[in-house]
């Protein structure tokens, strides 16, 4: 899964993509059950280094984070950032905003494989629904994780031997 074009301008569906940030995380080691891998996840810059574990619900001993938790954290953080930016632009205090992501891992009814489902719950004390609602809609358009959950993302898978 090494696309050398990610770090340079690349044409996706007729539009030029210019990355503002690129990161690499490698996962290795561990065992595989239920199509799930445990092991070590490490970023190229060393900022992320953790042991992935199988959740108890899937037969694991649950002593560490799993991919769904990492995805939920990234999605919630990204949406929180987008909503906070919009709040500041509208002279609203983003401090009280909480975004909670729920990610479910299960069987895909269409093919029997696996599927993720995600849901965000936003709490914004002191801001009425009439004000917050349109900003949530705008944040969903701004947040790349929200775009990904709606439309997928351009991705390549390469065998690097």
C-alpha atoms as a PDB file:
ATOM      1  CA  UNK A   1       0.000   0.000   0.000  1.00  0.00           C
ATOM      2  CA  UNK A   2       2.630   2.432  -1.014  1.00  0.00           C
ATOM      3  CA  UNK A   3       1.466   5.026  -3.503  1.00  0.00           C
ATOM      4  CA  UNK A   4       4.418   7.216  -4.430  1.00  0.00           C
ATOM      5  CA  UNK A   5       2.019   9.714  -5.996  1.00  0.00           C
ATOM      6  CA  UNK A   6       0.399  10.650  -2.673  1.00  0.00           C
ATOM      7  CA  UNK A   7       3.219  13.011  -1.785  1.00  0.00           C
ATOM      8  CA  UNK A   8       3.011  14.871  -5.101  1.00  0.00           C
ATOM      9  CA  UNK A   9       0.298  16.432  -7.197  1.00  0.00           C
ATOM     10  CA  UNK A  10      -1.913  13.649  -8.504  1.00  0.00           C
ATOM     11  CA  UNK A  11      -4.981  13.602 -10.717  1.00  0.00           C
ATOM     12  CA  UNK A  12      -8.038  11.966  -9.100  1.00  0.00           C
ATOM     13  CA  UNK A  13     -11.156  11.944 -11.243  1.00  0.00           C
ATOM     14  CA  UNK A  14     -10.030  14.912 -13.317  1.00  0.00           C
ATOM     15  CA  UNK A  15      -8.975  17.218 -10.490  1.00  0.00           C
ATOM     16  CA  UNK A  16      -5.502  17.914  -9.180  1.00  0.00           C
ATOM     17  CA  UNK A  17      -4.900  16.772  -5.607  1.00  0.00           C
ATOM     18  CA  UNK A  18      -2.141  18.615  -3.772  1.00  0.00           C
ATOM     19  CA  UNK A  19      -1.435  17.084  -0.355  1.00  0.00           C
ATOM     20  CA  UNK A  20      -0.970  19.456   2.555  1.00  0.00           C
ATOM     21  CA  UNK A  21       0.212  16.637   4.829  1.00  0.00           C
ATOM     22  CA  UNK A  22       1.188  13.011   4.236  1.00  0.00           C
ATOM     23  CA  UNK A  23       1.746  10.390   6.923  1.00  0.00           C
ATOM     24  CA  UNK A  24       2.712   6.744   6.843  1.00  0.00           C
ATOM     25  CA  UNK A  25       1.856   4.110   9.416  1.00  0.00           C
ATOM     26  CA  UNK A  26       3.022   0.505   9.171  1.00  0.00           C
ATOM     27  CA  UNK A  27       1.369  -2.407  10.979  1.00  0.00           C
ATOM     28  CA  UNK A  28       3.194  -5.691  11.463  1.00  0.00           C
ATOM     29  CA  UNK A  29       3.441  -8.660  13.789  1.00  0.00           C
ATOM     30  CA  UNK A  30       0.650 -10.189  15.794  1.00  0.00           C
ATOM     31  CA  UNK A  31      -1.881 -12.796  14.855  1.00  0.00           C
ATOM     32  CA  UNK A  32      -4.982 -12.787  12.684  1.00  0.00           C
ATOM     33  CA  UNK A  33      -8.430 -13.949  13.776  1.00  0.00           C
ATOM     34  CA  UNK A  34     -11.754 -13.024  12.213  1.00  0.00           C
ATOM     35  CA  UNK A  35      -9.781 -11.280   9.467  1.00  0.00           C
ATOM     36  CA  UNK A  36      -8.376  -9.029  12.185  1.00  0.00           C
ATOM     37  CA  UNK A  37      -4.730  -8.418  12.919  1.00  0.00           C
ATOM     38  CA  UNK A  38      -3.114  -7.597  16.207  1.00  0.00           C
ATOM     39  CA  UNK A  39       0.426  -6.310  16.262  1.00  0.00           C
ATOM     40  CA  UNK A  40       2.368  -3.082  16.261  1.00  0.00           C
ATOM     41  CA  UNK A  41       1.362   0.151  14.519  1.00  0.00           C
ATOM     42  CA  UNK A  42       4.117   2.715  14.067  1.00  0.00           C
ATOM     43  CA  UNK A  43       4.188   5.978  12.180  1.00  0.00           C
ATOM     44  CA  UNK A  44       7.223   6.876  10.095  1.00  0.00           C
ATOM     45  CA  UNK A  45       7.898   9.910  12.316  1.00  0.00           C
ATOM     46  CA  UNK A  46       7.584   7.907  15.548  1.00  0.00           C
ATOM     47  CA  UNK A  47       4.677  10.006  16.899  1.00  0.00           C
ATOM     48  CA  UNK A  48       2.414   6.940  16.899  1.00  0.00           C
ATOM     49  CA  UNK A  49       3.650   3.662  18.349  1.00  0.00           C
ATOM     50  CA  UNK A  50       1.129   1.277  19.828  1.00  0.00           C
ATOM     51  CA  UNK A  51       0.060  -2.317  20.144  1.00  0.00           C
ATOM     52  CA  UNK A  52      -3.175  -3.202  18.357  1.00  0.00           C
ATOM     53  CA  UNK A  53      -5.418  -5.687  20.121  1.00  0.00           C
ATOM     54  CA  UNK A  54      -8.547  -7.659  19.377  1.00  0.00           C
ATOM     55  CA  UNK A  55     -11.621  -6.419  21.272  1.00  0.00           C
ATOM     56  CA  UNK A  56     -13.124  -8.799  23.831  1.00  0.00           C
ATOM     57  CA  UNK A  57     -16.302  -8.981  21.733  1.00  0.00           C
ATOM     58  CA  UNK A  58     -14.287 -10.650  18.967  1.00  0.00           C
ATOM     59  CA  UNK A  59     -12.426 -13.047  21.234  1.00  0.00           C
ATOM     60  CA  UNK A  60      -9.509 -10.832  22.255  1.00  0.00           C
ATOM     61  CA  UNK A  61      -8.176  -9.890  25.633  1.00  0.00           C
ATOM     62  CA  UNK A  62      -8.683  -6.134  24.958  1.00  0.00           C
ATOM     63  CA  UNK A  63      -5.495  -4.702  26.562  1.00  0.00           C
ATOM     64  CA  UNK A  64      -4.966  -2.095  23.850  1.00  0.00           C
ATOM     65  CA  UNK A  65      -6.554  -0.043  21.094  1.00  0.00           C
ATOM     66  CA  UNK A  66      -8.044  -1.538  17.956  1.00  0.00           C
ATOM     67  CA  UNK A  67      -8.500  -0.159  14.414  1.00  0.00           C
ATOM     68  CA  UNK A  68     -12.118   0.878  15.015  1.00  0.00           C
ATOM     69  CA  UNK A  69     -11.095   2.984  18.008  1.00  0.00           C
ATOM     70  CA  UNK A  70      -8.360   4.637  15.960  1.00  0.00           C
ATOM     71  CA  UNK A  71     -10.818   5.398  13.153  1.00  0.00           C
ATOM     72  CA  UNK A  72     -13.391   6.738  15.651  1.00  0.00           C
ATOM     73  CA  UNK A  73     -10.748   8.998  17.214  1.00  0.00           C
ATOM     74  CA  UNK A  74      -9.643  10.332  13.832  1.00  0.00           C
ATOM     75  CA  UNK A  75     -13.208  10.910  12.629  1.00  0.00           C
ATOM     76  CA  UNK A  76     -14.298  12.650  15.845  1.00  0.00           C
ATOM     77  CA  UNK A  77     -11.148  14.797  15.948  1.00  0.00           C
ATOM     78  CA  UNK A  78     -11.435  15.831  12.310  1.00  0.00           C
ATOM     79  CA  UNK A  79     -15.129  16.706  12.589  1.00  0.00           C
ATOM     80  CA  UNK A  80     -14.475  18.563  15.850  1.00  0.00           C
ATOM     81  CA  UNK A  81     -11.787  20.595  14.100  1.00  0.00           C
ATOM     82  CA  UNK A  82     -14.038  21.460  11.162  1.00  0.00           C
ATOM     83  CA  UNK A  83     -16.938  22.444  13.435  1.00  0.00           C
ATOM     84  CA  UNK A  84     -14.655  24.492  15.700  1.00  0.00           C
ATOM     85  CA  UNK A  85     -13.329  26.398  12.703  1.00  0.00           C
ATOM     86  CA  UNK A  86     -16.866  27.194  11.567  1.00  0.00           C
ATOM     87  CA  UNK A  87     -17.904  28.174  15.097  1.00  0.00           C
ATOM     88  CA  UNK A  88     -15.054  30.693  15.315  1.00  0.00           C
ATOM     89  CA  UNK A  89     -15.977  32.102  11.893  1.00  0.00           C
ATOM     90  CA  UNK A  90     -19.502  32.688  13.242  1.00  0.00           C
ATOM     91  CA  UNK A  91     -18.151  34.229  16.463  1.00  0.00           C
ATOM     92  CA  UNK A  92     -19.317  31.258  18.556  1.00  0.00           C
ATOM     93  CA  UNK A  93     -17.298  29.589  21.300  1.00  0.00           C
ATOM     94  CA  UNK A  94     -16.113  26.129  20.158  1.00  0.00           C
ATOM     95  CA  UNK A  95     -14.809  25.306  23.661  1.00  0.00           C
ATOM     96  CA  UNK A  96     -17.890  23.387  24.853  1.00  0.00           C
ATOM     97  CA  UNK A  97     -18.186  21.272  21.671  1.00  0.00           C
ATOM     98  CA  UNK A  98     -17.870  17.516  22.146  1.00  0.00           C
ATOM     99  CA  UNK A  99     -17.928  15.128  19.191  1.00  0.00           C
ATOM    100  CA  UNK A 100     -18.363  11.447  19.961  1.00  0.00           C
ATOM    101  CA  UNK A 101     -17.858   8.894  17.186  1.00  0.00           C
ATOM    102  CA  UNK A 102     -19.386   5.444  17.404  1.00  0.00           C
ATOM    103  CA  UNK A 103     -17.912   2.906  14.993  1.00  0.00           C
ATOM    104  CA  UNK A 104     -19.461  -0.526  14.563  1.00  0.00           C
ATOM    105  CA  UNK A 105     -17.673  -3.486  12.960  1.00  0.00           C
ATOM    106  CA  UNK A 106     -19.885  -6.231  11.570  1.00  0.00           C
ATOM    107  CA  UNK A 107     -20.864  -8.440   8.672  1.00  0.00           C
ATOM    108  CA  UNK A 108     -21.707  -6.814   5.364  1.00  0.00           C
ATOM    109  CA  UNK A 109     -25.154  -8.165   4.456  1.00  0.00           C
ATOM    110  CA  UNK A 110     -24.465  -7.714   0.743  1.00  0.00           C
ATOM    111  CA  UNK A 111     -21.423 -10.011   0.498  1.00  0.00           C
ATOM    112  CA  UNK A 112     -20.845 -11.665   3.893  1.00  0.00           C
ATOM    113  CA  UNK A 113     -17.534  -9.842   4.349  1.00  0.00           C
ATOM    114  CA  UNK A 114     -16.975  -7.091   6.883  1.00  0.00           C
ATOM    115  CA  UNK A 115     -18.303  -3.573   7.068  1.00  0.00           C
ATOM    116  CA  UNK A 116     -17.948  -0.498   9.249  1.00  0.00           C
ATOM    117  CA  UNK A 117     -20.755   1.827  10.231  1.00  0.00           C
ATOM    118  CA  UNK A 118     -20.121   5.185  11.862  1.00  0.00           C
ATOM    119  CA  UNK A 119     -22.219   7.717  13.722  1.00  0.00           C
ATOM    120  CA  UNK A 120     -21.282  11.085  15.176  1.00  0.00           C
ATOM    121  CA  UNK A 121     -23.040  12.659  18.154  1.00  0.00           C
ATOM    122  CA  UNK A 122     -22.303  16.343  18.679  1.00  0.00           C
ATOM    123  CA  UNK A 123     -22.954  18.092  21.978  1.00  0.00           C
ATOM    124  CA  UNK A 124     -22.739  21.871  21.962  1.00  0.00           C
ATOM    125  CA  UNK A 125     -24.088  23.375  25.185  1.00  0.00           C
ATOM    126  CA  UNK A 126     -25.383  26.919  24.936  1.00  0.00           C
ATOM    127  CA  UNK A 127     -25.987  26.847  21.173  1.00  0.00           C
ATOM    128  CA  UNK A 128     -29.526  26.287  19.896  1.00  0.00           C
ATOM    129  CA  UNK A 129     -30.392  23.737  17.213  1.00  0.00           C
ATOM    130  CA  UNK A 130     -31.276  26.446  14.707  1.00  0.00           C
ATOM    131  CA  UNK A 131     -27.741  27.808  14.883  1.00  0.00           C
ATOM    132  CA  UNK A 132     -25.856  24.514  15.327  1.00  0.00           C
ATOM    133  CA  UNK A 133     -27.709  22.499  12.645  1.00  0.00           C
ATOM    134  CA  UNK A 134     -26.497  24.444   9.594  1.00  0.00           C
ATOM    135  CA  UNK A 135     -22.951  24.512  11.002  1.00  0.00           C
ATOM    136  CA  UNK A 136     -22.994  20.718  11.410  1.00  0.00           C
ATOM    137  CA  UNK A 137     -24.065  20.421   7.773  1.00  0.00           C
ATOM    138  CA  UNK A 138     -21.229  22.723   6.707  1.00  0.00           C
ATOM    139  CA  UNK A 139     -18.745  20.819   8.892  1.00  0.00           C
ATOM    140  CA  UNK A 140     -19.806  17.570   7.186  1.00  0.00           C
ATOM    141  CA  UNK A 141     -18.897  19.161   3.851  1.00  0.00           C
ATOM    142  CA  UNK A 142     -15.579  20.456   5.182  1.00  0.00           C
ATOM    143  CA  UNK A 143     -14.385  17.393   7.146  1.00  0.00           C
ATOM    144  CA  UNK A 144     -12.483  14.890   4.946  1.00  0.00           C
ATOM    145  CA  UNK A 145     -13.477  11.982   7.203  1.00  0.00           C
ATOM    146  CA  UNK A 146     -17.152  12.850   6.710  1.00  0.00           C
ATOM    147  CA  UNK A 147     -16.570  13.036   2.947  1.00  0.00           C
ATOM    148  CA  UNK A 148     -14.850   9.650   3.060  1.00  0.00           C
ATOM    149  CA  UNK A 149     -17.739   8.024   4.915  1.00  0.00           C
ATOM    150  CA  UNK A 150     -20.190   9.375   2.321  1.00  0.00           C
ATOM    151  CA  UNK A 151     -18.230   8.858  -0.888  1.00  0.00           C
ATOM    152  CA  UNK A 152     -15.205   6.671  -0.197  1.00  0.00           C
ATOM    153  CA  UNK A 153     -11.681   7.854  -1.019  1.00  0.00           C
ATOM    154  CA  UNK A 154      -9.327   7.302  -3.920  1.00  0.00           C
ATOM    155  CA  UNK A 155      -7.068   4.469  -2.820  1.00  0.00           C
ATOM    156  CA  UNK A 156      -4.482   2.199  -4.359  1.00  0.00           C
ATOM    157  CA  UNK A 157      -3.102  -1.082  -3.083  1.00  0.00           C
ATOM    158  CA  UNK A 158       0.338  -2.045  -4.328  1.00  0.00           C
ATOM    159  CA  UNK A 159       2.502  -5.036  -3.521  1.00  0.00           C
ATOM    160  CA  UNK A 160       5.855  -3.628  -2.424  1.00  0.00           C
ATOM    161  CA  UNK A 161       8.386  -6.438  -2.724  1.00  0.00           C
END
